[in-house]
Amino acid sequence: MKTKQRVSFFIGFLLVTAGINAQPEVGSLFFTPHVGFNVSTLLGHTNVRVQYVWDDGLGAASNSQTLPKLGISGGLGLEYQMKKKWALSVGIAANELGVRFRDFTFEDHTMSNAYIHLFYSNLPILVKYYVNDWLVLGVGLQPGYMLSKKANADFSRGGGYTVSSSADDYHRFDLSVPLSVSVNSAERMFYELRCNLGICNLMQGDWIPFLPTCLNESITLAVGYRFRL
């Protein structure tokens, strides 16, 4: 099936599953667990570095050719219908973010399977607008706290090597602006596409002549269920 056909099929599927879905009443409260996946990257100063031991002493290699990284996403939320067209959503989520790097060979050494893995706990807060009974748009703020970080690279030259990355200088706190589009089905299932735009510089430390910039950016595709409370 060609790409255009797949996209058309997916859009058609969402329209069909939306069905005849009555808009929530004012004052309604929903519990909204969801699960999905992220496609993430890091914008700005991003690299992974390898220091290795060789016959002629110490050596180093660096890679800054980034690629998108896949990760899991999941969370729990509450949505309150404030007015006929407006709702407030708050929640807690876990997100695997970060970036991958292209494999490369330079002279007699090769770096492969390089990535920066960042694991966040997030608190998404969104105001949602009901375009109609099933299509919902959202915007808000999403604070985040980095629970763990890891840099990896497989290196072919030298006996032993150590891996470091720009993540060594990252703040644990993050802040992003989530923009969402979701479809609510008649069976209370919902499908959401969310873009998270980082607005908080992750870099910290003493840099000369100035502090570089690095921002999180991700797209999340999730499916969930709306339990009425």
Foldseek 3Di string as FASTA:
>chain_A
DDPVVVVVVVVVVLVVQQPDFAADDAFWKWKKKKKFKKWKEKPWAKKKKKWAADPVGIDMDMFDAWDTDMWIKIWMKMWHRHDRFKIKMKIKMKHKYWIATDWDDDDDKTKDPWIKIWIKIKIDIWMWTHPDRWKIKIKDKIKIFTPDMDIDIDMDDHDDMDMDIQLVFFHRIWMWMKIKIKTAGNQQKMKMKIKTWTDDFGGDDDDPPDTIGMGMIMIIIMMIGIHID
